[in-house]
Structures are given as C-alpha cells and as structure tokens.
Amino acid sequence: MVAPETQTLSILLLLVLSLLTLAWLSRLVSLRVQAVTYYLTGSGDMTNVIIFLVLLPGVLLHESAHWLMARLVGLRTGKFRVWPNKQGDYIGLGSVSVERADVWRDSLVGVAPLILGNLMIALIGWRVFATPAMLDALANVRPVDAVIVFLEGMRTADGLVWSYILFTVGNSMMPSSSDRESFKPVLLYSMLAAIVYIGVGLPVTPVTHLLGWVAPAIEIAVGALLFLIVLDLLVLAALWPVEWLLRRHVRQLR
C-alpha cells in the first residue's frame, strides 16, 4: 500500500508536469491559430486580432488577476489595456501598469493569473466535466473509462461553451516572461529554505500534514489540467492539417 506522503508527492509532481505540458501546448496552439489566420488573410495585423479574440475571456481574466492581486497587496495600479500589441517576436494581448515594490509582492502579482486560472479551471472541471472521475480512471489504468468521462462532459448541454471557457482561461493563464522575472529569486529562496529545513533535521510532519490537507484540491486541479491538455491536443490535431493545406495552396499560387 502506498504511503499518503508518497501519494501527495506524486500528485504534486503530476501538477508540475501538467503545467509544463500545458505551457508548451499553449504556445503551439497560439502559433497554429496565427499561422492559419495569416494564410487565410495575408495580414499580420488581422492575425493578431484573431488570436486576441479567440483568447479574449482568458486575457481579461489574466490582466484582472494582476490588477486584483496588486490591490490586495497594497500596490498602486495604472493603465489597464486589453488589446493586441506586437512586442518583438511575441504578441502582447494585454497589460496592466503596477507599482514596483519588494520581490515578494512583485512575484505574487506576477503569478496571480496562474493562481486564479488554476482555481477557475479546477472549479469548471470539477462541477461541469467530472474531471476527478477521469483522473481516477487514468490512475487505475482504465483509459476507456477516462475517454467515456471526457466525452460525456463534452456532450452536456453547455459542454462546448464551458470547454471554450476552459480553453481560453487555461491557455491564457501562464505568466509572461516579465511576470516570471520577479518570481525567480523567490523560487531560489524557497528552494534554499527547503534545503536548510531538511538539512538541519527540522520535523517534516507539519509539512506532510499540510500537503495531505491540500492534496484533494491539487487532485481536482490536476484533473482539470489533464482535461485541458486533451482539448489542446484535439485543437492542434484539427489545426495542423488545415495549416498544411493552406501552406501548400499558398506555395502553389507563388
């Protein structure tokens, strides 16, 4: 029988892997949507507008999370912009001006979209798509049952609407490079603190109890992330042949 501590660590690892996978897929989805749009319109500006409109609910939540966290930690906020803006090789879909402060508050503002986004997709996954049941089926190596749960969720009355909301929120919640900048030293300090804590032999029981307490919430979040990863894979599977056909058509015209 697997110890509760081991189960908790496993679900934490799965959470991290799911987030990294989603970050990679989100970029691929964005690039594919932009490529298809560009081949159809031939306009870079229209491409920016289309990807913005596709992800609009998620963009609004992303920037609102920055603004809300800044207000909660006592930082002044300024201009709130939600519109595409070319930034070098990337497209900025929104921004909010926030007063700079210490690294701890800056990092909280930076990761706020990831925190709020995870809460949103976990709630949607739990209440609408029964993602804990899908995660349980996968954990017990019942892939057919997991597929059935996924399809049943999509067939609900508002399944497509909630899938779109889940898609836009999940693919817009990743912190940008500027958002991550202030979080790097916090992550380093936290790792050093954990090493010192374990190295000096301080009791780990309080930590394991805390992890055990939050484990059910983490499982719900992981289930929703896996559901979202499947959605992204389906979107990519639909976009790639369309992009290939459009690229081939454009080359033939040339």
Protein backbone atom coordinates (compact mmCIF):
# COMPACT_ATOMS: atom_id res chain seq x y z
CA MET A 1 0.00 0.00 0.00
CA VAL A 2 1.36 3.43 -1.00
CA ALA A 3 2.00 5.84 1.88
CA PRO A 4 -0.10 9.06 1.92
CA GLU A 5 3.08 11.16 1.75
CA THR A 6 4.16 9.35 -1.40
CA GLN A 7 0.74 9.84 -2.97
CA THR A 8 0.84 13.55 -2.18
CA LEU A 9 4.32 13.97 -3.64
CA SER A 10 3.23 12.07 -6.74
CA ILE A 11 0.23 14.33 -7.29
CA LEU A 12 2.44 17.41 -6.79
CA LEU A 13 4.86 16.10 -9.41
CA LEU A 14 1.95 15.43 -11.76
CA LEU A 15 0.73 19.00 -11.19
CA VAL A 16 4.12 20.42 -12.17
CA LEU A 17 4.38 18.17 -15.23
CA SER A 18 0.83 19.07 -16.29
CA LEU A 19 1.58 22.80 -16.04
CA LEU A 20 4.80 22.44 -18.05
CA THR A 21 2.99 20.40 -20.71
CA LEU A 22 0.17 22.94 -20.87
CA ALA A 23 2.64 25.83 -21.22
CA TRP A 24 4.23 24.05 -24.20
CA LEU A 25 0.88 23.19 -25.80
CA SER A 26 -0.46 26.71 -25.28
CA ARG A 27 2.39 28.12 -27.32
CA LEU A 28 1.82 25.55 -30.08
CA VAL A 29 -1.90 26.31 -30.20
CA SER A 30 -1.22 30.05 -30.42
CA LEU A 31 1.28 29.57 -33.24
CA ARG A 32 -1.07 27.28 -35.19
CA VAL A 33 -4.02 29.69 -34.88
CA GLN A 34 -1.80 32.57 -36.02
CA ALA A 35 -0.44 30.56 -38.94
CA VAL A 36 -3.90 29.50 -40.17
CA THR A 37 -5.19 33.05 -39.85
CA TYR A 38 -2.22 34.50 -41.70
CA TYR A 39 -2.57 32.06 -44.59
CA LEU A 40 -6.28 32.91 -44.84
CA THR A 41 -5.97 36.70 -44.59
CA GLY A 42 -2.36 37.51 -45.51
CA SER A 43 -2.43 40.18 -42.81
CA GLY A 44 -0.23 40.21 -39.74
CA ASP A 45 -2.47 42.73 -38.01
CA MET A 46 -5.55 40.58 -38.61
CA THR A 47 -3.66 37.58 -37.24
CA ASN A 48 -3.00 39.47 -34.01
CA VAL A 49 -6.64 40.49 -33.71
CA ILE A 50 -7.94 36.94 -34.31
CA ILE A 51 -5.73 35.30 -31.68
CA PHE A 52 -6.76 38.09 -29.30
CA LEU A 53 -10.47 37.49 -29.95
CA VAL A 54 -10.08 33.72 -29.61
CA LEU A 55 -8.48 34.08 -26.16
CA LEU A 56 -10.38 37.20 -25.03
CA PRO A 57 -12.08 35.74 -21.90
CA GLY A 58 -8.77 34.32 -20.73
CA VAL A 59 -6.92 37.58 -21.46
CA LEU A 60 -9.46 39.53 -19.41
CA LEU A 61 -9.04 37.11 -16.51
CA HIS A 62 -5.24 37.24 -16.80
CA GLU A 63 -4.98 41.02 -16.60
CA SER A 64 -7.73 41.24 -13.97
CA ALA A 65 -5.76 38.80 -11.81
CA HIS A 66 -2.70 41.08 -11.98
CA TRP A 67 -4.83 44.10 -11.06
CA LEU A 68 -6.67 42.34 -8.22
CA MET A 69 -3.53 40.89 -6.63
CA ALA A 70 -1.77 44.26 -6.86
CA ARG A 71 -4.65 45.90 -4.99
CA LEU A 72 -4.73 43.12 -2.40
CA VAL A 73 -1.02 43.54 -1.56
CA GLY A 74 -1.28 47.32 -1.44
CA LEU A 75 0.30 48.32 -4.76
CA ARG A 76 -0.95 51.14 -6.95
CA THR A 77 -2.27 50.26 -10.40
CA GLY A 78 -2.40 52.36 -13.53
CA LYS A 79 -3.29 51.82 -17.17
CA PHE A 80 -5.30 48.67 -17.90
CA ARG A 81 -5.01 47.60 -21.56
CA VAL A 82 -6.66 44.66 -23.25
CA TRP A 83 -5.68 44.73 -26.92
CA PRO A 84 -3.00 43.02 -29.03
CA ASN A 85 0.36 44.72 -29.25
CA LYS A 86 3.41 43.42 -31.15
CA GLN A 87 6.39 43.05 -28.80
CA GLY A 88 9.39 41.81 -30.77
CA ASP A 89 8.76 38.18 -31.70
CA TYR A 90 5.76 37.96 -29.38
CA ILE A 91 2.26 39.40 -29.27
CA GLY A 92 1.17 41.06 -26.04
CA LEU A 93 -2.58 40.64 -25.66
CA GLY A 94 -2.96 42.88 -22.63
CA SER A 95 -1.17 44.66 -19.82
CA VAL A 96 -1.75 46.48 -16.56
CA SER A 97 0.62 49.02 -15.01
CA VAL A 98 1.53 48.10 -11.43
CA GLU A 99 3.75 49.90 -8.95
CA ARG A 100 7.06 48.10 -8.35
CA ALA A 101 7.76 47.00 -4.78
CA ASP A 102 9.64 44.24 -2.98
CA VAL A 103 10.32 40.93 -4.69
CA TRP A 104 7.68 39.09 -2.66
CA ARG A 105 4.77 41.32 -3.63
CA ASP A 106 6.01 41.62 -7.21
CA SER A 107 6.14 37.83 -7.50
CA LEU A 108 2.60 37.49 -6.16
CA VAL A 109 1.36 39.95 -8.78
CA GLY A 110 3.32 38.10 -11.47
CA VAL A 111 1.91 34.63 -10.72
CA ALA A 112 -1.63 35.83 -9.92
CA PRO A 113 -3.02 34.77 -13.35
CA LEU A 114 -1.66 31.25 -12.84
CA ILE A 115 -3.22 31.02 -9.38
CA LEU A 116 -6.62 32.40 -10.40
CA GLY A 117 -6.59 30.49 -13.70
CA ASN A 118 -5.95 27.19 -11.92
CA LEU A 119 -8.76 27.91 -9.49
CA MET A 120 -11.13 28.66 -12.37
CA ILE A 121 -10.33 25.60 -14.46
CA ALA A 122 -10.37 23.37 -11.36
CA LEU A 123 -13.86 24.63 -10.49
CA ILE A 124 -15.12 24.19 -14.06
CA GLY A 125 -13.54 20.77 -14.37
CA TRP A 126 -14.98 19.60 -11.07
CA ARG A 127 -18.51 20.97 -11.45
CA VAL A 128 -19.02 20.58 -15.21
CA PHE A 129 -16.76 17.84 -16.57
CA ALA A 130 -16.30 15.46 -13.62
CA THR A 131 -12.53 15.58 -14.09
CA PRO A 132 -11.81 13.83 -10.73
CA ALA A 133 -13.53 10.73 -12.19
CA MET A 134 -11.36 10.98 -15.30
CA LEU A 135 -8.21 11.30 -13.18
CA ASP A 136 -9.28 8.31 -11.08
CA ALA A 137 -9.80 6.23 -14.23
CA LEU A 138 -6.34 7.14 -15.50
CA ALA A 139 -4.75 6.44 -12.11
CA ASN A 140 -6.29 2.97 -12.16
CA VAL A 141 -5.21 2.37 -15.77
CA ARG A 142 -8.72 2.49 -17.21
CA PRO A 143 -8.19 4.65 -20.30
CA VAL A 144 -11.50 3.66 -21.86
CA ASP A 145 -13.38 4.91 -18.78
CA ALA A 146 -11.36 8.14 -18.90
CA VAL A 147 -12.36 8.68 -22.54
CA ILE A 148 -16.02 7.99 -21.67
CA VAL A 149 -15.91 10.61 -18.88
CA PHE A 150 -14.33 13.12 -21.29
CA LEU A 151 -16.95 12.54 -23.99
CA GLU A 152 -19.84 12.65 -21.51
CA GLY A 153 -18.59 16.03 -20.29
CA MET A 154 -18.43 17.36 -23.83
CA ARG A 155 -21.97 16.13 -24.54
CA THR A 156 -23.58 18.05 -21.68
CA ALA A 157 -26.00 20.86 -22.56
CA ASP A 158 -23.37 23.61 -22.21
CA GLY A 159 -20.36 21.37 -22.76
CA LEU A 160 -18.98 23.27 -25.75
CA VAL A 161 -19.43 26.65 -24.07
CA TRP A 162 -17.65 25.52 -20.90
CA SER A 163 -14.96 23.83 -22.99
CA TYR A 164 -14.30 27.14 -24.75
CA ILE A 165 -14.08 28.99 -21.43
CA LEU A 166 -11.76 26.31 -20.05
CA PHE A 167 -9.66 26.51 -23.22
CA THR A 168 -9.29 30.30 -23.18
CA VAL A 169 -8.60 30.57 -19.45
CA GLY A 170 -6.13 27.68 -19.40
CA ASN A 171 -4.22 28.89 -22.44
CA SER A 172 -4.02 32.48 -21.19
CA MET A 173 -3.05 31.94 -17.55
CA MET A 174 0.66 31.24 -17.99
CA PRO A 175 2.84 34.10 -16.68
CA SER A 176 4.71 36.03 -19.36
CA SER A 177 8.48 36.47 -19.26
CA SER A 178 8.07 39.79 -17.43
CA ASP A 179 5.65 38.17 -14.97
CA ARG A 180 8.18 35.42 -14.20
CA GLU A 181 11.12 37.78 -13.69
CA SER A 182 10.36 38.71 -10.09
CA PHE A 183 9.42 35.13 -9.20
CA LYS A 184 12.87 33.70 -9.97
CA PRO A 185 14.56 34.92 -6.75
CA VAL A 186 11.52 33.85 -4.69
CA LEU A 187 11.78 30.35 -6.14
CA LEU A 188 15.51 30.28 -5.39
CA TYR A 189 14.97 31.47 -1.79
CA SER A 190 12.24 28.87 -1.29
CA MET A 191 14.48 26.07 -2.57
CA LEU A 192 17.33 27.17 -0.31
CA ALA A 193 14.96 27.38 2.67
CA ALA A 194 13.69 23.84 1.97
CA ILE A 195 17.26 22.52 1.76
CA VAL A 196 18.20 24.19 5.04
CA TYR A 197 14.99 22.98 6.70
CA ILE A 198 15.69 19.38 5.76
CA GLY A 199 19.44 19.68 6.30
CA VAL A 200 19.19 20.79 9.93
CA GLY A 201 16.74 17.99 10.68
CA LEU A 202 13.64 20.03 11.45
CA PRO A 203 10.40 17.97 11.70
CA VAL A 204 8.69 17.30 8.37
CA THR A 205 5.43 16.11 9.93
CA PRO A 206 3.76 19.58 9.82
CA VAL A 207 4.69 19.89 6.15
CA THR A 208 3.35 16.44 5.26
CA HIS A 209 0.14 17.18 7.18
CA LEU A 210 -0.28 20.43 5.23
CA LEU A 211 0.37 18.68 1.92
CA GLY A 212 -2.09 15.94 2.85
CA TRP A 213 -4.72 18.58 3.63
CA VAL A 214 -4.35 20.33 0.24
CA ALA A 215 -3.91 17.10 -1.77
CA PRO A 216 -7.64 16.76 -2.69
CA ALA A 217 -7.67 20.29 -4.10
CA ILE A 218 -4.49 19.57 -6.07
CA GLU A 219 -6.06 16.41 -7.49
CA ILE A 220 -9.04 18.42 -8.74
CA ALA A 221 -6.67 20.92 -10.38
CA VAL A 222 -4.64 18.13 -12.00
CA GLY A 223 -7.79 16.50 -13.38
CA ALA A 224 -8.86 19.81 -14.95
CA LEU A 225 -5.37 20.35 -16.39
CA LEU A 226 -5.40 16.90 -17.98
CA PHE A 227 -8.83 17.62 -19.48
CA LEU A 228 -7.45 20.89 -20.87
CA ILE A 229 -4.37 19.16 -22.27
CA VAL A 230 -6.64 16.77 -24.16
CA LEU A 231 -8.60 19.76 -25.51
CA ASP A 232 -5.39 21.41 -26.71
CA LEU A 233 -4.28 18.20 -28.40
CA LEU A 234 -7.64 17.96 -30.20
CA VAL A 235 -7.39 21.59 -31.34
CA LEU A 236 -3.85 21.00 -32.60
CA ALA A 237 -4.96 17.84 -34.41
CA ALA A 238 -7.62 19.90 -36.20
CA LEU A 239 -5.38 22.88 -36.98
CA TRP A 240 -2.28 21.13 -38.29
CA PRO A 241 -3.84 19.60 -41.45
CA VAL A 242 -5.65 22.88 -42.16
CA GLU A 243 -2.37 24.78 -41.87
CA TRP A 244 -0.62 22.24 -44.11
CA LEU A 245 -3.27 22.53 -46.82
CA LEU A 246 -3.24 26.33 -46.68
CA ARG A 247 0.57 26.47 -46.80
CA ARG A 248 0.58 24.14 -49.79
CA HIS A 249 -2.06 26.25 -51.54
CA VAL A 250 -0.09 29.46 -50.97
CA ARG A 251 3.09 27.87 -52.34
CA GLN A 252 1.25 26.69 -55.44
CA LEU A 253 -0.04 30.22 -56.07
CA ARG A 254 3.51 31.53 -55.92
